[in-house]
Amino acid sequence: MRHVLKMTGSNDAPRIMMQMWKRGWKSLRVKKLEEAMTESQKRARAEVESRLRAQILGEMEEEMASIRKREEASKAKCAALEKELEEKVRQADESEKRFNEERLAMLAERSALERERQDVLREKAALQKNEQLAIINKGGAVRPPIKFSFGK
């Protein structure tokens, strides 16, 4: 363009160049540079976005792995606690069963002792009655009657 303006011999070349620049006339080299810069910016932006996306995905995967690990740990802990609870319930049931069996055995022994005590009391009462009858000789054949004689 400058060559064209110089050939015309006009001194208005800088003014015309400025007007052309303002109107959007750009040299091919400037256009190529702008296109290259725009393309470079697009590539840089895409690369930054790609890196950022990869970083975010990596962080998400790490977070998901840590969440899975915590979930597995809490499931294992929950299962262990459930097993422990079942064991304690089983032990409590066994203890209650043993207690009931011991209680029943104690009650049976107590009733047997009570029957034996009643038998002993009956025997004692019968023996005491026999002794009393023997002392007063009301039974007849228990012993010969005691005879007292005065003055013989």
Foldseek 3Di string as FASTA:
>chain_A
DVVVVVVVVDPCVVVVVVVCVVVPDDDPVVVVVVVVVVVVVVVVVVVVVVVVVVVVVVVVVVVVVVVVVVVVVVVVVVVVVVVVVVVVVVVVVVVVVVVVVVVVVVVVVVVVVVVVVVVVVVVVVVVVVVVVCVVVVPVPPPDDDDDDDPDD
